[in-house]
């Protein structure tokens, strides 16, 4: 499990460095997740240790929101002064995310239906 956690942190570090060097408009941890996902696709499977480590992290996911809650309290004045812009950005980005998810779901269902029809 220690190796799996190390792999996750190394992917995050590489993502941070990649974003810092290239100036990509993506958070470093997200770039690291994409790198980890690409590695898993290339490998074709998830090791048992990585599965155990990620399941453990996900079971305690609520603890990872504590720093975000502290950040809200620390920057309360900024949030209070820009609540309208932030609220609007939150609503619009949520709607865009839902729309993209729905379109991807429709595309995947159509692709799976075609694949199922081709198999028969």
N, C-alpha and C. Protein backbone atom coordinates (compact mmCIF):
# COMPACT_ATOMS: atom_id res chain seq x y z
N UNK A 1 0.83 -1.19 0.00
CA UNK A 1 0.00 0.00 0.00
C UNK A 1 0.87 1.26 0.00
N UNK A 2 2.05 1.19 0.63
CA UNK A 2 2.94 2.33 0.65
C UNK A 2 3.40 2.68 -0.77
N UNK A 3 3.66 1.66 -1.58
CA UNK A 3 4.05 1.89 -2.96
C UNK A 3 2.94 2.55 -3.76
N UNK A 4 1.70 2.16 -3.48
CA UNK A 4 0.56 2.74 -4.19
C UNK A 4 0.38 4.21 -3.82
N UNK A 5 0.50 4.52 -2.54
CA UNK A 5 0.39 5.92 -2.13
C UNK A 5 1.53 6.75 -2.71
N UNK A 6 2.71 6.14 -2.77
CA UNK A 6 3.85 6.83 -3.39
C UNK A 6 3.56 7.10 -4.86
N UNK A 7 3.01 6.12 -5.56
CA UNK A 7 2.66 6.30 -6.97
C UNK A 7 1.67 7.45 -7.14
N UNK A 8 0.67 7.52 -6.30
CA UNK A 8 -0.33 8.59 -6.39
C UNK A 8 0.33 9.95 -6.17
N UNK A 9 1.19 10.04 -5.16
CA UNK A 9 1.86 11.31 -4.87
C UNK A 9 2.86 11.69 -5.95
N UNK A 10 3.54 10.70 -6.52
CA UNK A 10 4.47 10.99 -7.62
C UNK A 10 3.71 11.51 -8.83
N UNK A 11 2.57 10.90 -9.13
CA UNK A 11 1.76 11.39 -10.25
C UNK A 11 1.31 12.82 -10.00
N UNK A 12 0.94 13.12 -8.77
CA UNK A 12 0.54 14.49 -8.44
C UNK A 12 1.72 15.45 -8.60
N UNK A 13 2.89 15.04 -8.15
CA UNK A 13 4.08 15.88 -8.28
C UNK A 13 4.42 16.11 -9.75
N UNK A 14 4.39 15.06 -10.54
CA UNK A 14 4.68 15.20 -11.97
C UNK A 14 3.64 16.12 -12.62
N UNK A 15 2.39 16.00 -12.22
CA UNK A 15 1.35 16.88 -12.74
C UNK A 15 1.61 18.33 -12.38
N UNK A 16 2.03 18.59 -11.13
CA UNK A 16 2.36 19.95 -10.70
C UNK A 16 3.52 20.51 -11.51
N UNK A 17 4.55 19.71 -11.71
CA UNK A 17 5.72 20.15 -12.48
C UNK A 17 5.32 20.41 -13.93
N UNK A 18 4.53 19.50 -14.49
CA UNK A 18 4.08 19.65 -15.88
C UNK A 18 3.30 20.93 -16.07
N UNK A 19 2.40 21.22 -15.16
CA UNK A 19 1.60 22.44 -15.25
C UNK A 19 2.49 23.67 -15.06
N UNK A 20 3.44 23.58 -14.13
CA UNK A 20 4.35 24.71 -13.91
C UNK A 20 5.24 24.99 -15.09
N UNK A 21 5.70 23.94 -15.76
CA UNK A 21 6.61 24.11 -16.90
C UNK A 21 5.86 24.56 -18.15
N UNK A 22 4.72 23.94 -18.40
CA UNK A 22 3.99 24.22 -19.65
C UNK A 22 2.99 25.36 -19.53
N UNK A 23 2.59 25.69 -18.32
CA UNK A 23 1.59 26.74 -18.13
C UNK A 23 0.19 26.30 -18.49
N UNK A 24 -0.07 24.99 -18.46
CA UNK A 24 -1.41 24.48 -18.76
C UNK A 24 -2.44 25.09 -17.80
N UNK A 25 -3.63 25.41 -18.28
CA UNK A 25 -4.65 26.01 -17.40
C UNK A 25 -5.43 24.94 -16.62
N UNK A 26 -4.71 23.99 -16.03
CA UNK A 26 -5.31 22.88 -15.31
C UNK A 26 -4.58 22.76 -13.97
N UNK A 27 -5.28 22.47 -12.89
CA UNK A 27 -4.57 22.25 -11.62
C UNK A 27 -3.62 21.05 -11.73
N UNK A 28 -2.50 21.14 -11.04
CA UNK A 28 -1.50 20.08 -11.07
C UNK A 28 -2.03 18.71 -10.68
N UNK A 29 -2.83 18.62 -9.60
CA UNK A 29 -3.36 17.31 -9.23
C UNK A 29 -4.25 16.69 -10.31
N UNK A 30 -4.97 17.53 -11.06
CA UNK A 30 -5.81 17.00 -12.14
C UNK A 30 -4.91 16.45 -13.25
N UNK A 31 -3.85 17.17 -13.58
CA UNK A 31 -2.91 16.66 -14.58
C UNK A 31 -2.29 15.36 -14.10
N UNK A 32 -1.98 15.27 -12.81
CA UNK A 32 -1.44 14.03 -12.25
C UNK A 32 -2.43 12.88 -12.34
N UNK A 33 -3.72 13.17 -12.10
CA UNK A 33 -4.74 12.14 -12.23
C UNK A 33 -4.84 11.63 -13.66
N UNK A 34 -4.72 12.55 -14.61
CA UNK A 34 -4.78 12.15 -16.02
C UNK A 34 -3.57 11.26 -16.34
N UNK A 35 -2.41 11.62 -15.82
CA UNK A 35 -1.22 10.79 -16.04
C UNK A 35 -1.40 9.41 -15.42
N UNK A 36 -1.95 9.35 -14.21
CA UNK A 36 -2.19 8.07 -13.56
C UNK A 36 -3.20 7.24 -14.36
N UNK A 37 -4.25 7.88 -14.84
CA UNK A 37 -5.25 7.19 -15.65
C UNK A 37 -4.63 6.64 -16.94
N UNK A 38 -3.78 7.45 -17.58
CA UNK A 38 -3.11 6.99 -18.80
C UNK A 38 -2.22 5.78 -18.50
N UNK A 39 -1.54 5.83 -17.37
CA UNK A 39 -0.71 4.69 -16.99
C UNK A 39 -1.54 3.44 -16.72
N UNK A 40 -2.69 3.61 -16.10
CA UNK A 40 -3.56 2.46 -15.85
C UNK A 40 -4.12 1.90 -17.13
N UNK A 41 -4.49 2.77 -18.08
CA UNK A 41 -4.95 2.29 -19.38
C UNK A 41 -3.85 1.53 -20.11
N UNK A 42 -2.63 2.08 -20.05
CA UNK A 42 -1.52 1.42 -20.73
C UNK A 42 -1.23 0.06 -20.12
N UNK A 43 -1.39 -0.02 -18.82
CA UNK A 43 -1.12 -1.27 -18.12
C UNK A 43 -2.26 -2.27 -18.29
N UNK A 44 -3.47 -1.75 -18.39
CA UNK A 44 -4.63 -2.61 -18.62
C UNK A 44 -5.27 -3.17 -17.37
N UNK A 45 -4.77 -2.80 -16.21
CA UNK A 45 -5.35 -3.29 -14.95
C UNK A 45 -4.93 -2.40 -13.80
N UNK A 46 -5.60 -2.57 -12.66
CA UNK A 46 -5.27 -1.84 -11.44
C UNK A 46 -4.71 -2.85 -10.45
N UNK A 47 -3.52 -2.57 -9.93
CA UNK A 47 -2.92 -3.47 -8.95
C UNK A 47 -3.76 -3.50 -7.68
N UNK A 48 -3.67 -4.60 -6.95
CA UNK A 48 -4.45 -4.75 -5.72
C UNK A 48 -4.06 -3.70 -4.69
N UNK A 49 -2.78 -3.38 -4.58
CA UNK A 49 -2.33 -2.37 -3.63
C UNK A 49 -2.89 -1.00 -3.94
N UNK A 50 -2.93 -0.64 -5.22
CA UNK A 50 -3.49 0.65 -5.61
C UNK A 50 -4.99 0.68 -5.36
N UNK A 51 -5.66 -0.43 -5.61
CA UNK A 51 -7.09 -0.52 -5.34
C UNK A 51 -7.36 -0.35 -3.85
N UNK A 52 -6.56 -1.00 -3.02
CA UNK A 52 -6.73 -0.90 -1.56
C UNK A 52 -6.47 0.53 -1.08
N UNK A 53 -5.40 1.14 -1.60
CA UNK A 53 -5.06 2.50 -1.18
C UNK A 53 -6.13 3.50 -1.58
N UNK A 54 -6.62 3.40 -2.80
CA UNK A 54 -7.63 4.36 -3.25
C UNK A 54 -8.96 4.14 -2.56
N UNK A 55 -9.30 2.89 -2.28
CA UNK A 55 -10.54 2.62 -1.54
C UNK A 55 -10.45 3.21 -0.14
N UNK A 56 -9.29 3.08 0.48
CA UNK A 56 -9.09 3.67 1.81
C UNK A 56 -9.20 5.19 1.77
N UNK A 57 -8.61 5.82 0.76
CA UNK A 57 -8.72 7.27 0.64
C UNK A 57 -10.16 7.71 0.41
N UNK A 58 -10.86 6.98 -0.45
CA UNK A 58 -12.25 7.35 -0.73
C UNK A 58 -13.16 7.16 0.48
N UNK A 59 -12.85 6.18 1.32
CA UNK A 59 -13.70 5.97 2.51
C UNK A 59 -13.54 7.10 3.51
N UNK A 60 -12.44 7.85 3.43
CA UNK A 60 -12.22 8.99 4.34
C UNK A 60 -12.20 10.31 3.57
N UNK A 61 -12.93 10.35 2.47
CA UNK A 61 -12.94 11.52 1.60
C UNK A 61 -13.41 12.78 2.32
N UNK A 62 -14.33 12.63 3.26
CA UNK A 62 -14.85 13.80 3.96
C UNK A 62 -13.75 14.55 4.71
N UNK A 63 -12.73 13.85 5.17
CA UNK A 63 -11.62 14.52 5.87
C UNK A 63 -10.83 15.43 4.93
N UNK A 64 -10.84 15.13 3.64
CA UNK A 64 -10.09 15.94 2.69
C UNK A 64 -10.78 17.28 2.43
N UNK A 65 -12.02 17.44 2.88
CA UNK A 65 -12.72 18.71 2.71
C UNK A 65 -12.48 19.67 3.86
N UNK A 66 -11.84 19.22 4.92
CA UNK A 66 -11.55 20.10 6.06
C UNK A 66 -10.68 21.27 5.64
N UNK A 67 -9.59 21.07 4.88
CA UNK A 67 -8.80 22.24 4.46
C UNK A 67 -9.60 23.23 3.62
N UNK A 68 -10.50 22.74 2.80
CA UNK A 68 -11.34 23.65 2.00
C UNK A 68 -12.24 24.48 2.92
N UNK A 69 -12.79 23.85 3.93
CA UNK A 69 -13.63 24.57 4.89
C UNK A 69 -12.85 25.63 5.65
N UNK A 70 -11.62 25.30 6.01
CA UNK A 70 -10.75 26.28 6.68
C UNK A 70 -10.44 27.43 5.73
N UNK A 71 -10.20 27.11 4.46
CA UNK A 71 -9.93 28.16 3.47
C UNK A 71 -11.10 29.10 3.31
N UNK A 72 -12.31 28.58 3.37
CA UNK A 72 -13.50 29.43 3.29
C UNK A 72 -13.53 30.39 4.46
N UNK A 73 -13.22 29.90 5.64
CA UNK A 73 -13.24 30.76 6.82
C UNK A 73 -12.13 31.82 6.77
N UNK A 74 -10.95 31.43 6.28
CA UNK A 74 -9.82 32.36 6.21
C UNK A 74 -10.10 33.47 5.20
N UNK A 75 -10.74 33.14 4.08
CA UNK A 75 -10.99 34.11 3.02
C UNK A 75 -12.43 34.60 3.01
N UNK A 76 -13.06 34.61 4.17
CA UNK A 76 -14.46 34.98 4.26
C UNK A 76 -14.72 36.39 3.72
N UNK A 77 -13.83 37.34 4.00
CA UNK A 77 -14.04 38.72 3.52
C UNK A 77 -14.05 38.78 2.00
N UNK A 78 -13.14 38.05 1.35
CA UNK A 78 -13.11 38.02 -0.11
C UNK A 78 -14.38 37.38 -0.65
N UNK A 79 -14.82 36.32 -0.02
CA UNK A 79 -16.04 35.64 -0.46
C UNK A 79 -17.26 36.54 -0.29
N UNK A 80 -17.29 37.26 0.81
CA UNK A 80 -18.44 38.13 1.07
C UNK A 80 -18.51 39.27 0.07
N UNK A 81 -17.36 39.78 -0.35
CA UNK A 81 -17.39 40.91 -1.28
C UNK A 81 -17.65 40.46 -2.72
N UNK A 82 -17.31 39.23 -3.08
CA UNK A 82 -17.50 38.78 -4.45
C UNK A 82 -18.49 37.63 -4.57
N UNK A 83 -19.46 37.56 -3.69
CA UNK A 83 -20.38 36.42 -3.64
C UNK A 83 -21.19 36.30 -4.92
N UNK A 84 -21.59 37.41 -5.52
CA UNK A 84 -22.43 37.33 -6.71
C UNK A 84 -21.67 36.72 -7.89
N UNK A 85 -20.46 37.20 -8.13
CA UNK A 85 -19.66 36.67 -9.24
C UNK A 85 -19.32 35.20 -9.00
N UNK A 86 -18.94 34.87 -7.78
CA UNK A 86 -18.60 33.47 -7.47
C UNK A 86 -19.83 32.57 -7.56
N UNK A 87 -20.95 33.04 -7.08
CA UNK A 87 -22.17 32.25 -7.16
C UNK A 87 -22.60 32.02 -8.59
N UNK A 88 -22.51 33.06 -9.40
CA UNK A 88 -22.86 32.93 -10.82
C UNK A 88 -21.92 31.96 -11.52
N UNK A 89 -20.63 32.08 -11.25
CA UNK A 89 -19.65 31.16 -11.85
C UNK A 89 -19.92 29.72 -11.41
N UNK A 90 -20.30 29.53 -10.17
CA UNK A 90 -20.60 28.19 -9.66
C UNK A 90 -21.83 27.61 -10.35
N UNK A 91 -22.88 28.39 -10.50
CA UNK A 91 -24.10 27.91 -11.14
C UNK A 91 -23.85 27.60 -12.63
N UNK A 92 -23.19 28.52 -13.32
CA UNK A 92 -22.94 28.32 -14.75
C UNK A 92 -22.03 27.11 -14.97
N UNK A 93 -20.96 26.99 -14.19
CA UNK A 93 -20.06 25.84 -14.37
C UNK A 93 -20.76 24.52 -14.04
N UNK A 94 -21.64 24.53 -13.06
CA UNK A 94 -22.40 23.33 -12.73
C UNK A 94 -23.32 22.94 -13.89
N UNK A 95 -24.00 23.91 -14.47
CA UNK A 95 -24.88 23.63 -15.60
C UNK A 95 -24.09 23.12 -16.80
N UNK A 96 -22.93 23.71 -17.06
CA UNK A 96 -22.08 23.23 -18.16
C UNK A 96 -21.62 21.80 -17.89
N UNK A 97 -21.21 21.53 -16.66
CA UNK A 97 -20.79 20.18 -16.30
C UNK A 97 -21.90 19.16 -16.47
N UNK A 98 -23.11 19.51 -16.07
CA UNK A 98 -24.25 18.62 -16.25
C UNK A 98 -24.54 18.37 -17.72
N UNK A 99 -24.47 19.44 -18.52
CA UNK A 99 -24.75 19.30 -19.96
C UNK A 99 -23.70 18.41 -20.62
N UNK A 100 -22.43 18.63 -20.30
CA UNK A 100 -21.37 17.80 -20.89
C UNK A 100 -21.53 16.35 -20.45
N UNK A 101 -21.85 16.13 -19.20
CA UNK A 101 -22.06 14.76 -18.70
C UNK A 101 -23.21 14.09 -19.44
N UNK A 102 -24.30 14.82 -19.64
CA UNK A 102 -25.45 14.26 -20.35
C UNK A 102 -25.09 13.92 -21.80
N UNK A 103 -24.34 14.79 -22.46
CA UNK A 103 -23.94 14.53 -23.84
C UNK A 103 -23.00 13.33 -23.94
N UNK A 104 -22.08 13.23 -23.01
CA UNK A 104 -21.17 12.08 -23.00
C UNK A 104 -21.95 10.80 -22.74
N UNK A 105 -22.90 10.86 -21.82
CA UNK A 105 -23.73 9.68 -21.52
C UNK A 105 -24.52 9.25 -22.75
N UNK A 106 -25.13 10.20 -23.46
CA UNK A 106 -25.86 9.87 -24.67
C UNK A 106 -24.94 9.26 -25.72
N UNK A 107 -23.78 9.83 -25.89
CA UNK A 107 -22.82 9.30 -26.85
C UNK A 107 -22.38 7.89 -26.50
N UNK A 108 -22.13 7.65 -25.21
CA UNK A 108 -21.70 6.32 -24.77
C UNK A 108 -22.83 5.31 -24.95
N UNK A 109 -24.07 5.70 -24.66
CA UNK A 109 -25.19 4.79 -24.86
C UNK A 109 -25.36 4.44 -26.33
N UNK A 110 -25.21 5.43 -27.21
CA UNK A 110 -25.32 5.16 -28.64
C UNK A 110 -24.19 4.26 -29.10
N UNK A 111 -22.99 4.50 -28.60
CA UNK A 111 -21.84 3.68 -28.96
C UNK A 111 -22.02 2.24 -28.47
N UNK A 112 -22.51 2.09 -27.26
CA UNK A 112 -22.74 0.75 -26.71
C UNK A 112 -23.87 0.03 -27.44
N UNK A 113 -24.89 0.78 -27.85
CA UNK A 113 -25.99 0.18 -28.60
C UNK A 113 -25.50 -0.32 -29.95
N UNK A 114 -24.66 0.49 -30.62
CA UNK A 114 -24.09 0.05 -31.89
C UNK A 114 -23.18 -1.14 -31.72
N UNK A 115 -22.40 -1.12 -30.65
CA UNK A 115 -21.49 -2.24 -30.39
C UNK A 115 -22.27 -3.51 -30.07
N UNK A 116 -23.35 -3.37 -29.31
CA UNK A 116 -24.19 -4.53 -28.99
C UNK A 116 -24.89 -5.07 -30.22
N UNK A 117 -25.33 -4.18 -31.10
CA UNK A 117 -26.00 -4.63 -32.33
C UNK A 117 -25.01 -5.31 -33.26
N UNK A 118 -23.77 -4.86 -33.26
CA UNK A 118 -22.75 -5.46 -34.12
C UNK A 118 -22.35 -6.85 -33.62
N UNK A 119 -22.44 -7.06 -32.31
CA UNK A 119 -22.07 -8.35 -31.72
C UNK A 119 -23.11 -9.43 -32.02
N UNK A 120 -24.34 -9.02 -32.23
CA UNK A 120 -25.41 -10.02 -32.42
C UNK A 120 -25.52 -10.50 -33.82
